[in-house]
């Protein structure tokens, strides 16, 4: 059975070398693309990963100067936490979407969160701030508002400045220092270009 399958996939004798070369080239290009994009870093929880794309610098800077920096990273708000499979599925789907946009140079210069992302962020706001609706001192101030606005409004419609403040550009956080991703260009190539 296995011999039949492999025999059907094996190219004729005079095609073997070119097919092996072409597969080797594509495998090498694929591995180099993974290296250049730092694909493994997207499995982490490090917010510096998000600034691998230059367009995310204002979001990183405003988060880094905000109150959520001490208790939450990007994934805490922007990725579902209902189960591990949904979390990594969402990260992979969102990451492939972003990678495609950046590769095709189709990214917007001003970022707006999409519909699915808005729902995830809203659920995470509620997940982290449930205690606001359970503490007796706060119930009189929040319970009614929360119940009235839970279905038709997003948290940031009232809490506009949280957690990113006013994000329009890096000018919204003057003196912000954003980590710059390391250059993927090898030193020997940089030296060669200088000559």
C-alpha atoms as a PDB file:
ATOM      1  CA  UNK A   1       0.000   0.000   0.000  1.00  0.00           C
ATOM      2  CA  UNK A   2       2.735   2.481   0.999  1.00  0.00           C
ATOM      3  CA  UNK A   3       4.813   1.504  -2.043  1.00  0.00           C
ATOM      4  CA  UNK A   4       1.853   2.339  -4.318  1.00  0.00           C
ATOM      5  CA  UNK A   5       1.477   5.779  -2.742  1.00  0.00           C
ATOM      6  CA  UNK A   6       5.203   6.594  -2.880  1.00  0.00           C
ATOM      7  CA  UNK A   7       5.499   5.235  -6.414  1.00  0.00           C
ATOM      8  CA  UNK A   8       2.735   7.621  -7.522  1.00  0.00           C
ATOM      9  CA  UNK A   9       4.548  10.574  -5.905  1.00  0.00           C
ATOM     10  CA  UNK A  10       8.031   9.718  -7.172  1.00  0.00           C
ATOM     11  CA  UNK A  11       8.931  11.625 -10.357  1.00  0.00           C
ATOM     12  CA  UNK A  12      10.372   9.771 -13.374  1.00  0.00           C
ATOM     13  CA  UNK A  13      14.146   9.171 -13.309  1.00  0.00           C
ATOM     14  CA  UNK A  14      15.157  12.144 -15.475  1.00  0.00           C
ATOM     15  CA  UNK A  15      13.027  14.509 -13.344  1.00  0.00           C
ATOM     16  CA  UNK A  16      14.305  13.458  -9.910  1.00  0.00           C
ATOM     17  CA  UNK A  17      17.259  15.847  -9.660  1.00  0.00           C
ATOM     18  CA  UNK A  18      15.331  18.973 -10.812  1.00  0.00           C
ATOM     19  CA  UNK A  19      12.406  18.135  -8.497  1.00  0.00           C
ATOM     20  CA  UNK A  20      14.757  17.626  -5.542  1.00  0.00           C
ATOM     21  CA  UNK A  21      16.480  20.945  -6.331  1.00  0.00           C
ATOM     22  CA  UNK A  22      13.186  22.823  -6.612  1.00  0.00           C
ATOM     23  CA  UNK A  23      11.878  21.287  -3.368  1.00  0.00           C
ATOM     24  CA  UNK A  24      15.178  22.172  -1.681  1.00  0.00           C
ATOM     25  CA  UNK A  25      14.940  25.791  -2.878  1.00  0.00           C
ATOM     26  CA  UNK A  26      11.347  26.143  -1.665  1.00  0.00           C
ATOM     27  CA  UNK A  27      12.190  24.502   1.670  1.00  0.00           C
ATOM     28  CA  UNK A  28      15.160  26.851   2.092  1.00  0.00           C
ATOM     29  CA  UNK A  29      13.098  29.921   1.195  1.00  0.00           C
ATOM     30  CA  UNK A  30      10.367  28.813   3.589  1.00  0.00           C
ATOM     31  CA  UNK A  31      12.856  28.295   6.433  1.00  0.00           C
ATOM     32  CA  UNK A  32      14.483  31.674   5.695  1.00  0.00           C
ATOM     33  CA  UNK A  33      11.032  33.347   5.740  1.00  0.00           C
ATOM     34  CA  UNK A  34      10.342  31.815   9.150  1.00  0.00           C
ATOM     35  CA  UNK A  35      13.722  33.125  10.333  1.00  0.00           C
ATOM     36  CA  UNK A  36      13.176  36.641   8.934  1.00  0.00           C
ATOM     37  CA  UNK A  37       9.672  36.939  10.354  1.00  0.00           C
ATOM     38  CA  UNK A  38      10.743  35.557  13.740  1.00  0.00           C
ATOM     39  CA  UNK A  39       7.674  33.313  13.568  1.00  0.00           C
ATOM     40  CA  UNK A  40       8.546  31.501  16.825  1.00  0.00           C
ATOM     41  CA  UNK A  41       8.341  34.784  18.770  1.00  0.00           C
ATOM     42  CA  UNK A  42       4.588  34.954  18.153  1.00  0.00           C
ATOM     43  CA  UNK A  43       4.067  31.979  20.448  1.00  0.00           C
ATOM     44  CA  UNK A  44       5.320  34.067  23.376  1.00  0.00           C
ATOM     45  CA  UNK A  45       3.499  36.558  25.573  1.00  0.00           C
ATOM     46  CA  UNK A  46       6.151  39.286  25.171  1.00  0.00           C
ATOM     47  CA  UNK A  47       4.635  42.636  24.063  1.00  0.00           C
ATOM     48  CA  UNK A  48       7.868  43.459  22.204  1.00  0.00           C
ATOM     49  CA  UNK A  49       6.797  40.851  19.668  1.00  0.00           C
ATOM     50  CA  UNK A  50       3.960  43.119  18.577  1.00  0.00           C
ATOM     51  CA  UNK A  51       6.404  45.849  17.522  1.00  0.00           C
ATOM     52  CA  UNK A  52       8.075  43.527  15.017  1.00  0.00           C
ATOM     53  CA  UNK A  53       5.731  45.485  12.738  1.00  0.00           C
ATOM     54  CA  UNK A  54       6.631  49.183  12.759  1.00  0.00           C
ATOM     55  CA  UNK A  55       2.998  50.193  12.535  1.00  0.00           C
ATOM     56  CA  UNK A  56       2.352  48.871  16.064  1.00  0.00           C
ATOM     57  CA  UNK A  57       4.789  51.325  17.703  1.00  0.00           C
ATOM     58  CA  UNK A  58       2.112  53.810  18.915  1.00  0.00           C
ATOM     59  CA  UNK A  59       0.031  51.007  20.438  1.00  0.00           C
ATOM     60  CA  UNK A  60       3.067  49.598  22.231  1.00  0.00           C
ATOM     61  CA  UNK A  61       4.197  53.025  23.471  1.00  0.00           C
ATOM     62  CA  UNK A  62       0.779  54.030  24.794  1.00  0.00           C
ATOM     63  CA  UNK A  63       0.288  50.647  26.499  1.00  0.00           C
ATOM     64  CA  UNK A  64       3.778  50.935  28.000  1.00  0.00           C
ATOM     65  CA  UNK A  65       2.875  54.343  29.488  1.00  0.00           C
ATOM     66  CA  UNK A  66      -0.538  53.204  30.726  1.00  0.00           C
ATOM     67  CA  UNK A  67      -1.920  51.570  33.840  1.00  0.00           C
ATOM     68  CA  UNK A  68      -2.438  48.150  32.249  1.00  0.00           C
ATOM     69  CA  UNK A  69       1.305  47.681  31.662  1.00  0.00           C
ATOM     70  CA  UNK A  70       1.733  46.371  35.214  1.00  0.00           C
ATOM     71  CA  UNK A  71      -0.991  43.733  34.998  1.00  0.00           C
ATOM     72  CA  UNK A  72      -1.643  42.843  31.360  1.00  0.00           C
ATOM     73  CA  UNK A  73       0.196  42.271  28.109  1.00  0.00           C
ATOM     74  CA  UNK A  74      -1.165  42.373  24.545  1.00  0.00           C
ATOM     75  CA  UNK A  75      -2.410  38.771  24.629  1.00  0.00           C
ATOM     76  CA  UNK A  76      -4.270  39.286  27.895  1.00  0.00           C
ATOM     77  CA  UNK A  77      -6.615  41.683  26.111  1.00  0.00           C
ATOM     78  CA  UNK A  78      -6.473  40.759  22.435  1.00  0.00           C
ATOM     79  CA  UNK A  79      -6.642  36.938  22.508  1.00  0.00           C
ATOM     80  CA  UNK A  80      -9.548  34.779  23.784  1.00  0.00           C
ATOM     81  CA  UNK A  81      -8.971  32.932  27.045  1.00  0.00           C
ATOM     82  CA  UNK A  82     -11.907  30.533  27.095  1.00  0.00           C
ATOM     83  CA  UNK A  83      -9.685  27.568  26.127  1.00  0.00           C
ATOM     84  CA  UNK A  84      -6.144  26.954  24.894  1.00  0.00           C
ATOM     85  CA  UNK A  85      -7.204  25.714  21.441  1.00  0.00           C
ATOM     86  CA  UNK A  86      -9.316  28.803  20.768  1.00  0.00           C
ATOM     87  CA  UNK A  87      -6.471  31.017  22.004  1.00  0.00           C
ATOM     88  CA  UNK A  88      -3.868  29.604  19.619  1.00  0.00           C
ATOM     89  CA  UNK A  89      -6.341  29.274  16.759  1.00  0.00           C
ATOM     90  CA  UNK A  90      -7.190  32.978  17.120  1.00  0.00           C
ATOM     91  CA  UNK A  91      -3.501  33.919  17.383  1.00  0.00           C
ATOM     92  CA  UNK A  92      -2.657  31.883  14.269  1.00  0.00           C
ATOM     93  CA  UNK A  93      -5.567  33.235  12.244  1.00  0.00           C
ATOM     94  CA  UNK A  94      -4.891  36.824  13.276  1.00  0.00           C
ATOM     95  CA  UNK A  95      -1.146  36.406  12.763  1.00  0.00           C
ATOM     96  CA  UNK A  96      -1.569  34.979   9.260  1.00  0.00           C
ATOM     97  CA  UNK A  97      -3.906  37.839   8.409  1.00  0.00           C
ATOM     98  CA  UNK A  98      -1.353  40.397   9.646  1.00  0.00           C
ATOM     99  CA  UNK A  99       1.533  38.634   7.908  1.00  0.00           C
ATOM    100  CA  UNK A 100      -0.379  38.606   4.622  1.00  0.00           C
ATOM    101  CA  UNK A 101      -1.247  42.296   4.908  1.00  0.00           C
ATOM    102  CA  UNK A 102       2.343  43.292   5.695  1.00  0.00           C
ATOM    103  CA  UNK A 103       3.842  41.034   3.015  1.00  0.00           C
ATOM    104  CA  UNK A 104       1.514  42.470   0.375  1.00  0.00           C
ATOM    105  CA  UNK A 105       2.124  46.008   1.717  1.00  0.00           C
ATOM    106  CA  UNK A 106      -1.631  46.383   2.224  1.00  0.00           C
ATOM    107  CA  UNK A 107      -1.529  47.488   5.862  1.00  0.00           C
ATOM    108  CA  UNK A 108      -3.336  50.621   6.932  1.00  0.00           C
ATOM    109  CA  UNK A 109      -1.250  53.360   8.479  1.00  0.00           C
ATOM    110  CA  UNK A 110      -3.880  53.851  11.183  1.00  0.00           C
ATOM    111  CA  UNK A 111      -4.941  50.656  12.896  1.00  0.00           C
ATOM    112  CA  UNK A 112      -8.554  49.939  13.795  1.00  0.00           C
ATOM    113  CA  UNK A 113      -9.600  46.824  15.631  1.00  0.00           C
ATOM    114  CA  UNK A 114     -11.903  44.499  13.683  1.00  0.00           C
ATOM    115  CA  UNK A 115     -15.326  43.225  14.731  1.00  0.00           C
ATOM    116  CA  UNK A 116     -14.066  39.847  15.992  1.00  0.00           C
ATOM    117  CA  UNK A 117     -11.227  41.547  17.878  1.00  0.00           C
ATOM    118  CA  UNK A 118     -13.659  43.950  19.545  1.00  0.00           C
ATOM    119  CA  UNK A 119     -15.688  41.035  20.912  1.00  0.00           C
ATOM    120  CA  UNK A 120     -12.543  39.355  22.259  1.00  0.00           C
ATOM    121  CA  UNK A 121     -11.371  42.556  23.978  1.00  0.00           C
ATOM    122  CA  UNK A 122     -14.819  43.146  25.493  1.00  0.00           C
ATOM    123  CA  UNK A 123     -14.938  39.594  26.888  1.00  0.00           C
ATOM    124  CA  UNK A 124     -11.455  40.048  28.363  1.00  0.00           C
ATOM    125  CA  UNK A 125     -12.425  43.365  29.981  1.00  0.00           C
ATOM    126  CA  UNK A 126     -15.324  41.586  31.662  1.00  0.00           C
ATOM    127  CA  UNK A 127     -13.136  38.581  32.586  1.00  0.00           C
ATOM    128  CA  UNK A 128     -10.549  40.748  34.342  1.00  0.00           C
ATOM    129  CA  UNK A 129     -12.899  43.293  35.890  1.00  0.00           C
ATOM    130  CA  UNK A 130     -15.676  40.993  37.127  1.00  0.00           C
ATOM    131  CA  UNK A 131     -14.811  41.973  40.691  1.00  0.00           C
ATOM    132  CA  UNK A 132     -16.106  45.493  39.946  1.00  0.00           C
ATOM    133  CA  UNK A 133     -19.571  44.029  39.633  1.00  0.00           C
ATOM    134  CA  UNK A 134     -19.322  41.871  42.747  1.00  0.00           C
ATOM    135  CA  UNK A 135     -17.888  44.202  45.408  1.00  0.00           C
ATOM    136  CA  UNK A 136     -20.659  45.632  47.562  1.00  0.00           C
ATOM    137  CA  UNK A 137     -19.083  49.122  47.624  1.00  0.00           C
ATOM    138  CA  UNK A 138     -19.055  49.299  43.836  1.00  0.00           C
ATOM    139  CA  UNK A 139     -22.339  47.565  42.989  1.00  0.00           C
ATOM    140  CA  UNK A 140     -24.399  50.735  43.434  1.00  0.00           C
ATOM    141  CA  UNK A 141     -22.154  52.557  40.954  1.00  0.00           C
ATOM    142  CA  UNK A 142     -21.495  49.857  38.379  1.00  0.00           C
ATOM    143  CA  UNK A 143     -24.136  47.114  38.460  1.00  0.00           C
ATOM    144  CA  UNK A 144     -26.908  49.114  36.831  1.00  0.00           C
ATOM    145  CA  UNK A 145     -24.665  50.674  34.206  1.00  0.00           C
ATOM    146  CA  UNK A 146     -23.018  47.369  33.389  1.00  0.00           C
ATOM    147  CA  UNK A 147     -26.313  45.538  32.994  1.00  0.00           C
ATOM    148  CA  UNK A 148     -27.803  48.304  30.843  1.00  0.00           C
ATOM    149  CA  UNK A 149     -24.760  48.696  28.582  1.00  0.00           C
ATOM    150  CA  UNK A 150     -23.450  45.119  28.495  1.00  0.00           C
ATOM    151  CA  UNK A 151     -25.236  44.024  25.353  1.00  0.00           C
ATOM    152  CA  UNK A 152     -25.157  47.036  23.059  1.00  0.00           C
ATOM    153  CA  UNK A 153     -21.963  48.892  23.989  1.00  0.00           C
ATOM    154  CA  UNK A 154     -18.271  48.191  24.331  1.00  0.00           C
ATOM    155  CA  UNK A 155     -16.356  49.069  27.505  1.00  0.00           C
ATOM    156  CA  UNK A 156     -14.137  51.593  25.709  1.00  0.00           C
ATOM    157  CA  UNK A 157     -17.107  53.654  24.587  1.00  0.00           C
ATOM    158  CA  UNK A 158     -17.099  55.123  28.093  1.00  0.00           C
ATOM    159  CA  UNK A 159     -13.505  54.295  29.084  1.00  0.00           C
ATOM    160  CA  UNK A 160     -11.975  55.874  25.968  1.00  0.00           C
ATOM    161  CA  UNK A 161      -8.442  56.387  27.210  1.00  0.00           C
ATOM    162  CA  UNK A 162      -7.875  52.832  28.460  1.00  0.00           C
ATOM    163  CA  UNK A 163      -5.449  51.145  27.905  1.00  0.00           C
ATOM    164  CA  UNK A 164      -3.897  52.898  24.906  1.00  0.00           C
ATOM    165  CA  UNK A 165      -4.840  56.516  25.515  1.00  0.00           C
ATOM    166  CA  UNK A 166      -5.234  58.553  22.359  1.00  0.00           C
ATOM    167  CA  UNK A 167      -3.420  56.598  19.699  1.00  0.00           C
ATOM    168  CA  UNK A 168      -2.919  58.486  16.495  1.00  0.00           C
ATOM    169  CA  UNK A 169       0.836  58.436  16.194  1.00  0.00           C
ATOM    170  CA  UNK A 170       3.944  58.407  18.348  1.00  0.00           C
ATOM    171  CA  UNK A 171       3.279  62.100  18.968  1.00  0.00           C
ATOM    172  CA  UNK A 172       0.536  60.974  21.355  1.00  0.00           C
ATOM    173  CA  UNK A 173       3.300  59.765  23.692  1.00  0.00           C
ATOM    174  CA  UNK A 174       6.266  62.094  23.299  1.00  0.00           C
ATOM    175  CA  UNK A 175       9.606  60.732  24.513  1.00  0.00           C
ATOM    176  CA  UNK A 176       8.325  57.176  24.110  1.00  0.00           C
ATOM    177  CA  UNK A 177      10.963  54.542  23.558  1.00  0.00           C
ATOM    178  CA  UNK A 178       9.824  51.650  21.445  1.00  0.00           C
ATOM    179  CA  UNK A 179      12.063  48.586  21.104  1.00  0.00           C
ATOM    180  CA  UNK A 180      13.446  48.260  17.600  1.00  0.00           C
ATOM    181  CA  UNK A 181      13.519  44.718  16.232  1.00  0.00           C
ATOM    182  CA  UNK A 182      16.970  43.345  15.501  1.00  0.00           C
ATOM    183  CA  UNK A 183      18.038  43.390  11.887  1.00  0.00           C
ATOM    184  CA  UNK A 184      17.788  39.957  10.244  1.00  0.00           C
ATOM    185  CA  UNK A 185      20.668  40.867   7.897  1.00  0.00           C
ATOM    186  CA  UNK A 186      23.824  38.910   8.802  1.00  0.00           C
ATOM    187  CA  UNK A 187      26.925  40.940   9.747  1.00  0.00           C
ATOM    188  CA  UNK A 188      28.966  39.556   6.835  1.00  0.00           C
ATOM    189  CA  UNK A 189      26.376  40.872   4.392  1.00  0.00           C
ATOM    190  CA  UNK A 190      26.343  44.305   6.036  1.00  0.00           C
ATOM    191  CA  UNK A 191      30.137  44.447   5.709  1.00  0.00           C
ATOM    192  CA  UNK A 192      29.952  43.343   2.093  1.00  0.00           C
ATOM    193  CA  UNK A 193      27.442  46.105   1.269  1.00  0.00           C
ATOM    194  CA  UNK A 194      29.620  48.777   2.956  1.00  0.00           C
ATOM    195  CA  UNK A 195      32.509  48.009   0.594  1.00  0.00           C
END
